[in-house]
Amino acid sequence: MEVSGIVKRISDTQNISAKFKKREIVVTTEEQYPQHLAIEFVQDKTDLLDNFQEGEKVSIGINLKGREWTSPQGEVKFFNSIQGWRIEKQQSAPSPAAPSGNESTETNSNFSTPPSMAPYEEDDDDLPF
């Protein structure tokens, strides 16, 4: 999977234990309803964030991770995380007024909304908020 957006924040590397370290980046998506997604990079992947700064457009290869945990009281909970494994700077798209010299009609699909995630119509929304 891939996430594209603008870097909002990059944290310092956290050494969780002698054998485990992680680093977090927050990316704001560029869509009708922007989302602030916290993506963690772990182990040797933490160094990938060294060459990035806030405000840059990036594409991040991600994996969704899920785990189950049982509390001492026996209550079962589930946790999700987004883990990055690749990050690349995106080139800014040329403005429509400035010809790029490339006559291809292909468009950049990094920012398109998948059909299953299309914005909802107000009449179709039965949520109370």
N, C-alpha and C. Protein backbone atom coordinates (compact mmCIF):
# COMPACT_ATOMS: atom_id res chain seq x y z
N MET A 1 0.85 -1.17 0.00
CA MET A 1 0.00 0.00 0.00
C MET A 1 0.89 1.23 0.00
N GLU A 2 0.29 2.34 -0.37
CA GLU A 2 1.05 3.58 -0.42
C GLU A 2 0.20 4.75 0.09
N VAL A 3 0.86 5.68 0.79
CA VAL A 3 0.23 6.90 1.29
C VAL A 3 1.02 8.07 0.73
N SER A 4 0.32 9.09 0.26
CA SER A 4 0.96 10.29 -0.25
C SER A 4 0.44 11.49 0.51
N GLY A 5 1.31 12.47 0.72
CA GLY A 5 0.89 13.68 1.40
C GLY A 5 2.06 14.57 1.72
N ILE A 6 1.83 15.52 2.63
CA ILE A 6 2.84 16.50 3.03
C ILE A 6 3.29 16.18 4.45
N VAL A 7 4.61 16.20 4.65
CA VAL A 7 5.18 15.90 5.97
C VAL A 7 4.78 17.00 6.95
N LYS A 8 4.11 16.61 8.01
CA LYS A 8 3.70 17.56 9.06
C LYS A 8 4.73 17.57 10.20
N ARG A 9 5.24 16.37 10.55
CA ARG A 9 6.19 16.28 11.67
C ARG A 9 7.02 15.01 11.53
N ILE A 10 8.27 15.10 11.95
CA ILE A 10 9.14 13.93 12.03
C ILE A 10 9.73 13.91 13.43
N SER A 11 9.53 12.81 14.14
CA SER A 11 10.03 12.70 15.52
C SER A 11 11.48 12.21 15.52
N ASP A 12 12.10 12.34 16.67
CA ASP A 12 13.43 11.78 16.87
C ASP A 12 13.30 10.27 17.05
N THR A 13 14.39 9.57 16.85
CA THR A 13 14.41 8.12 17.04
C THR A 13 14.27 7.80 18.52
N GLN A 14 13.39 6.84 18.84
CA GLN A 14 13.19 6.39 20.22
C GLN A 14 13.79 4.99 20.35
N ASN A 15 14.68 4.82 21.31
CA ASN A 15 15.22 3.50 21.61
C ASN A 15 14.33 2.87 22.66
N ILE A 16 13.45 1.97 22.23
CA ILE A 16 12.49 1.34 23.12
C ILE A 16 13.19 0.32 24.01
N SER A 17 14.11 -0.43 23.44
CA SER A 17 14.92 -1.38 24.21
C SER A 17 16.28 -1.47 23.53
N ALA A 18 17.15 -2.32 24.05
CA ALA A 18 18.48 -2.48 23.47
C ALA A 18 18.39 -3.04 22.04
N LYS A 19 17.28 -3.71 21.73
CA LYS A 19 17.15 -4.35 20.42
C LYS A 19 16.05 -3.76 19.54
N PHE A 20 15.39 -2.71 20.00
CA PHE A 20 14.28 -2.17 19.22
C PHE A 20 14.26 -0.65 19.27
N LYS A 21 14.18 -0.03 18.07
CA LYS A 21 14.04 1.43 17.98
C LYS A 21 12.99 1.75 16.94
N LYS A 22 12.37 2.95 17.11
CA LYS A 22 11.35 3.39 16.16
C LYS A 22 11.39 4.90 16.01
N ARG A 23 10.79 5.36 14.91
CA ARG A 23 10.71 6.78 14.62
C ARG A 23 9.40 7.02 13.90
N GLU A 24 8.75 8.14 14.19
CA GLU A 24 7.43 8.41 13.65
C GLU A 24 7.44 9.63 12.74
N ILE A 25 6.67 9.55 11.67
CA ILE A 25 6.44 10.68 10.78
C ILE A 25 4.93 10.87 10.69
N VAL A 26 4.49 12.12 10.66
CA VAL A 26 3.08 12.42 10.48
C VAL A 26 2.93 13.07 9.11
N VAL A 27 2.06 12.48 8.30
CA VAL A 27 1.82 12.96 6.94
C VAL A 27 0.36 13.40 6.84
N THR A 28 0.15 14.57 6.24
CA THR A 28 -1.20 15.08 6.00
C THR A 28 -1.55 14.80 4.54
N THR A 29 -2.62 14.04 4.34
CA THR A 29 -3.04 13.69 2.99
C THR A 29 -3.63 14.91 2.29
N GLU A 30 -3.62 14.89 0.98
CA GLU A 30 -4.18 15.99 0.20
C GLU A 30 -5.42 15.48 -0.52
N GLU A 31 -6.53 15.58 0.18
CA GLU A 31 -7.81 15.14 -0.36
C GLU A 31 -8.89 16.05 0.19
N GLN A 32 -10.13 15.80 -0.15
CA GLN A 32 -11.21 16.68 0.29
C GLN A 32 -11.23 16.83 1.81
N TYR A 33 -11.03 15.74 2.51
CA TYR A 33 -10.98 15.77 3.98
C TYR A 33 -9.60 15.26 4.40
N PRO A 34 -8.59 16.16 4.50
CA PRO A 34 -7.22 15.73 4.81
C PRO A 34 -7.15 14.97 6.13
N GLN A 35 -6.31 13.96 6.13
CA GLN A 35 -6.09 13.13 7.31
C GLN A 35 -4.64 13.29 7.76
N HIS A 36 -4.42 13.30 9.06
CA HIS A 36 -3.08 13.35 9.62
C HIS A 36 -2.74 11.93 10.06
N LEU A 37 -1.87 11.26 9.31
CA LEU A 37 -1.54 9.87 9.56
C LEU A 37 -0.18 9.73 10.20
N ALA A 38 -0.14 9.08 11.35
CA ALA A 38 1.13 8.78 12.03
C ALA A 38 1.63 7.44 11.50
N ILE A 39 2.82 7.46 10.92
CA ILE A 39 3.41 6.26 10.34
C ILE A 39 4.74 6.02 11.04
N GLU A 40 4.93 4.80 11.55
CA GLU A 40 6.18 4.52 12.25
C GLU A 40 7.14 3.70 11.39
N PHE A 41 8.39 4.06 11.50
CA PHE A 41 9.48 3.33 10.86
C PHE A 41 10.27 2.67 11.99
N VAL A 42 10.64 1.41 11.83
CA VAL A 42 11.32 0.69 12.90
C VAL A 42 12.68 0.15 12.44
N GLN A 43 13.52 -0.11 13.45
CA GLN A 43 14.84 -0.70 13.27
C GLN A 43 15.67 0.10 12.24
N ASP A 44 16.24 -0.57 11.25
CA ASP A 44 17.11 0.11 10.29
C ASP A 44 16.36 1.07 9.38
N LYS A 45 15.05 1.00 9.34
CA LYS A 45 14.24 1.89 8.50
C LYS A 45 14.12 3.30 9.10
N THR A 46 14.47 3.48 10.39
CA THR A 46 14.40 4.81 11.01
C THR A 46 15.32 5.80 10.30
N ASP A 47 16.43 5.32 9.77
CA ASP A 47 17.39 6.19 9.08
C ASP A 47 16.84 6.75 7.78
N LEU A 48 15.82 6.13 7.21
CA LEU A 48 15.23 6.62 5.96
C LEU A 48 14.66 8.02 6.11
N LEU A 49 14.29 8.41 7.32
CA LEU A 49 13.66 9.71 7.54
C LEU A 49 14.66 10.85 7.67
N ASP A 50 15.96 10.54 7.72
CA ASP A 50 16.98 11.56 7.91
C ASP A 50 17.01 12.62 6.82
N ASN A 51 16.64 12.27 5.60
CA ASN A 51 16.75 13.19 4.46
C ASN A 51 15.44 13.91 4.13
N PHE A 52 14.50 13.92 5.07
CA PHE A 52 13.21 14.55 4.82
C PHE A 52 12.95 15.65 5.83
N GLN A 53 12.14 16.65 5.39
CA GLN A 53 11.82 17.79 6.24
C GLN A 53 10.33 18.07 6.21
N GLU A 54 9.87 18.79 7.22
CA GLU A 54 8.47 19.20 7.27
C GLU A 54 8.15 20.03 6.04
N GLY A 55 6.95 19.83 5.49
CA GLY A 55 6.50 20.60 4.33
C GLY A 55 6.76 19.93 3.00
N GLU A 56 7.56 18.87 2.96
CA GLU A 56 7.84 18.18 1.70
C GLU A 56 6.71 17.24 1.33
N LYS A 57 6.48 17.08 0.03
CA LYS A 57 5.52 16.10 -0.47
C LYS A 57 6.24 14.76 -0.58
N VAL A 58 5.60 13.72 -0.03
CA VAL A 58 6.22 12.40 -0.03
C VAL A 58 5.21 11.31 -0.39
N SER A 59 5.75 10.18 -0.80
CA SER A 59 4.99 8.94 -0.97
C SER A 59 5.66 7.92 -0.06
N ILE A 60 4.86 7.21 0.72
CA ILE A 60 5.40 6.25 1.67
C ILE A 60 4.79 4.88 1.43
N GLY A 61 5.63 3.89 1.25
CA GLY A 61 5.17 2.51 1.18
C GLY A 61 4.88 2.04 2.59
N ILE A 62 3.68 1.49 2.81
CA ILE A 62 3.27 1.12 4.17
C ILE A 62 2.75 -0.32 4.24
N ASN A 63 2.77 -0.83 5.44
CA ASN A 63 2.08 -2.08 5.79
C ASN A 63 1.17 -1.77 6.96
N LEU A 64 -0.04 -2.32 6.92
CA LEU A 64 -0.95 -2.19 8.06
C LEU A 64 -0.70 -3.38 8.97
N LYS A 65 -0.50 -3.11 10.25
CA LYS A 65 -0.24 -4.16 11.23
C LYS A 65 -1.37 -4.17 12.26
N GLY A 66 -1.74 -5.35 12.70
CA GLY A 66 -2.77 -5.48 13.72
C GLY A 66 -2.35 -6.53 14.73
N ARG A 67 -2.74 -6.32 15.98
CA ARG A 67 -2.40 -7.31 17.00
C ARG A 67 -3.50 -7.36 18.06
N GLU A 68 -3.55 -8.48 18.71
CA GLU A 68 -4.54 -8.73 19.77
C GLU A 68 -3.81 -8.72 21.11
N TRP A 69 -4.48 -8.15 22.12
CA TRP A 69 -3.90 -8.10 23.47
C TRP A 69 -5.01 -8.42 24.48
N THR A 70 -4.68 -9.23 25.45
CA THR A 70 -5.62 -9.57 26.52
C THR A 70 -5.13 -8.93 27.82
N SER A 71 -5.98 -8.13 28.42
CA SER A 71 -5.63 -7.44 29.67
C SER A 71 -5.60 -8.45 30.82
N PRO A 72 -5.01 -8.06 31.95
CA PRO A 72 -5.03 -8.95 33.12
C PRO A 72 -6.45 -9.31 33.59
N GLN A 73 -7.43 -8.46 33.24
CA GLN A 73 -8.82 -8.73 33.60
C GLN A 73 -9.51 -9.63 32.58
N GLY A 74 -8.80 -10.03 31.55
CA GLY A 74 -9.35 -10.92 30.54
C GLY A 74 -10.02 -10.23 29.36
N GLU A 75 -10.00 -8.90 29.35
CA GLU A 75 -10.61 -8.16 28.25
C GLU A 75 -9.68 -8.19 27.04
N VAL A 76 -10.24 -8.56 25.89
CA VAL A 76 -9.46 -8.64 24.65
C VAL A 76 -9.59 -7.34 23.89
N LYS A 77 -8.46 -6.76 23.48
CA LYS A 77 -8.44 -5.53 22.70
C LYS A 77 -7.60 -5.76 21.45
N PHE A 78 -7.89 -4.97 20.42
CA PHE A 78 -7.16 -5.05 19.17
C PHE A 78 -6.55 -3.69 18.87
N PHE A 79 -5.31 -3.70 18.38
CA PHE A 79 -4.58 -2.48 18.06
C PHE A 79 -4.09 -2.54 16.63
N ASN A 80 -4.12 -1.41 15.96
CA ASN A 80 -3.62 -1.29 14.59
C ASN A 80 -2.48 -0.29 14.56
N SER A 81 -1.56 -0.49 13.63
CA SER A 81 -0.50 0.48 13.41
C SER A 81 -0.18 0.53 11.93
N ILE A 82 0.39 1.65 11.52
CA ILE A 82 0.82 1.82 10.13
C ILE A 82 2.35 1.86 10.17
N GLN A 83 2.98 0.94 9.46
CA GLN A 83 4.44 0.84 9.49
C GLN A 83 4.99 1.13 8.10
N GLY A 84 5.89 2.11 8.03
CA GLY A 84 6.51 2.47 6.76
C GLY A 84 7.73 1.62 6.48
N TRP A 85 7.99 1.39 5.20
CA TRP A 85 9.18 0.64 4.80
C TRP A 85 9.92 1.31 3.65
N ARG A 86 9.30 2.34 3.04
CA ARG A 86 9.93 3.08 1.95
C ARG A 86 9.36 4.49 1.96
N ILE A 87 10.19 5.50 1.62
CA ILE A 87 9.71 6.87 1.51
C ILE A 87 10.46 7.54 0.37
N GLU A 88 9.70 8.31 -0.43
CA GLU A 88 10.27 9.02 -1.57
C GLU A 88 9.70 10.43 -1.64
N LYS A 89 10.54 11.38 -2.06
CA LYS A 89 10.05 12.74 -2.31
C LYS A 89 9.26 12.72 -3.60
N GLN A 90 8.17 13.48 -3.62
CA GLN A 90 7.36 13.61 -4.83
C GLN A 90 7.72 14.90 -5.53
N GLN A 91 7.71 14.84 -6.84
CA GLN A 91 7.91 16.06 -7.63
C GLN A 91 6.59 16.80 -7.67
N SER A 92 6.65 18.10 -7.58
CA SER A 92 5.43 18.90 -7.71
C SER A 92 4.94 18.79 -9.14
N ALA A 93 3.64 18.61 -9.29
CA ALA A 93 3.05 18.50 -10.62
C ALA A 93 3.08 19.87 -11.28
N PRO A 94 3.40 19.93 -12.58
CA PRO A 94 3.40 21.22 -13.26
C PRO A 94 1.98 21.78 -13.32
N SER A 95 1.89 23.10 -13.27
CA SER A 95 0.57 23.72 -13.33
C SER A 95 0.01 23.57 -14.73
N PRO A 96 -1.33 23.55 -14.89
CA PRO A 96 -1.93 23.37 -16.21
C PRO A 96 -1.52 24.46 -17.19
N ALA A 97 -1.19 25.68 -16.72
CA ALA A 97 -0.82 26.78 -17.60
C ALA A 97 0.59 26.60 -18.15
N ALA A 98 1.42 25.83 -17.46
CA ALA A 98 2.80 25.63 -17.89
C ALA A 98 2.93 24.29 -18.58
N PRO A 99 3.13 24.28 -19.91
CA PRO A 99 3.27 23.00 -20.60
C PRO A 99 4.52 22.27 -20.12
N SER A 100 4.38 20.98 -19.94
CA SER A 100 5.49 20.18 -19.43
C SER A 100 6.35 19.63 -20.54
N GLY A 101 5.88 19.70 -21.78
CA GLY A 101 6.63 19.12 -22.88
C GLY A 101 6.27 17.65 -23.07
N ASN A 102 5.55 17.08 -22.12
CA ASN A 102 5.11 15.70 -22.22
C ASN A 102 3.67 15.72 -22.66
N GLU A 103 3.39 15.22 -23.83
CA GLU A 103 2.04 15.28 -24.39
C GLU A 103 1.16 14.13 -23.92
N SER A 104 1.64 13.30 -23.02
CA SER A 104 0.87 12.16 -22.53
C SER A 104 -0.35 12.64 -21.77
N THR A 105 -1.46 11.92 -21.91
CA THR A 105 -2.68 12.28 -21.19
C THR A 105 -2.78 11.53 -19.88
N GLU A 106 -1.75 10.77 -19.52
CA GLU A 106 -1.76 10.01 -18.27
C GLU A 106 -1.72 10.98 -17.10
N THR A 107 -2.49 10.69 -16.06
CA THR A 107 -2.53 11.56 -14.89
C THR A 107 -1.88 10.87 -13.71
N ASN A 108 -1.47 11.66 -12.72
CA ASN A 108 -0.86 11.13 -11.50
C ASN A 108 -1.97 10.63 -10.60
N SER A 109 -2.00 9.35 -10.33
CA SER A 109 -3.08 8.77 -9.52
C SER A 109 -2.77 8.74 -8.04
N ASN A 110 -1.64 9.32 -7.61
CA ASN A 110 -1.28 9.28 -6.19
C ASN A 110 -2.29 10.00 -5.32
N PHE A 111 -2.98 11.00 -5.89
CA PHE A 111 -3.89 11.78 -5.07
C PHE A 111 -5.35 11.52 -5.41
N SER A 112 -5.61 10.58 -6.29
CA SER A 112 -7.00 10.30 -6.63
C SER A 112 -7.66 9.50 -5.53
N THR A 113 -8.95 9.63 -5.44
CA THR A 113 -9.71 8.92 -4.43
C THR A 113 -10.19 7.60 -5.01
N PRO A 114 -9.85 6.47 -4.38
CA PRO A 114 -10.34 5.19 -4.88
C PRO A 114 -11.86 5.17 -4.86
N PRO A 115 -12.49 4.42 -5.76
CA PRO A 115 -13.95 4.40 -5.81
C PRO A 115 -14.59 4.04 -4.48
N SER A 116 -13.99 3.13 -3.73
CA SER A 116 -14.58 2.73 -2.45
C SER A 116 -14.46 3.80 -1.39
N MET A 117 -13.63 4.82 -1.63
CA MET A 117 -13.43 5.88 -0.66
C MET A 117 -13.99 7.21 -1.17
N ALA A 118 -14.85 7.18 -2.18
CA ALA A 118 -15.40 8.40 -2.76
C ALA A 118 -16.15 9.18 -1.69
N PRO A 119 -16.12 10.51 -1.78
CA PRO A 119 -16.85 11.32 -0.79
C PRO A 119 -18.32 10.94 -0.77
N TYR A 120 -18.90 10.97 0.40
CA TYR A 120 -20.28 10.57 0.56
C TYR A 120 -21.21 11.73 0.26
N GLU A 121 -22.41 11.39 -0.12
CA GLU A 121 -23.46 12.38 -0.29
C GLU A 121 -24.13 12.57 1.06
N GLU A 122 -24.54 13.80 1.38
CA GLU A 122 -25.13 14.05 2.69
C GLU A 122 -26.35 13.18 2.94
N ASP A 123 -27.15 12.92 1.91
CA ASP A 123 -28.35 12.12 2.09
C ASP A 123 -28.02 10.67 2.43
N ASP A 124 -26.84 10.21 2.05
CA ASP A 124 -26.45 8.81 2.30
C ASP A 124 -25.85 8.62 3.69
N ASP A 125 -25.59 9.70 4.41
CA ASP A 125 -24.91 9.61 5.70
C ASP A 125 -25.92 9.46 6.82
N ASP A 126 -25.92 8.31 7.48
CA ASP A 126 -26.85 8.11 8.59
C ASP A 126 -26.14 8.17 9.94
N LEU A 127 -24.88 8.64 9.96
CA LEU A 127 -24.15 8.76 11.22
C LEU A 127 -24.63 10.00 11.98
N PRO A 128 -24.61 9.96 13.31
CA PRO A 128 -25.14 11.06 14.11
C PRO A 128 -24.20 12.26 14.20
N PHE A 129 -23.07 12.23 13.54
CA PHE A 129 -22.13 13.36 13.62
C PHE A 129 -21.64 13.76 12.25
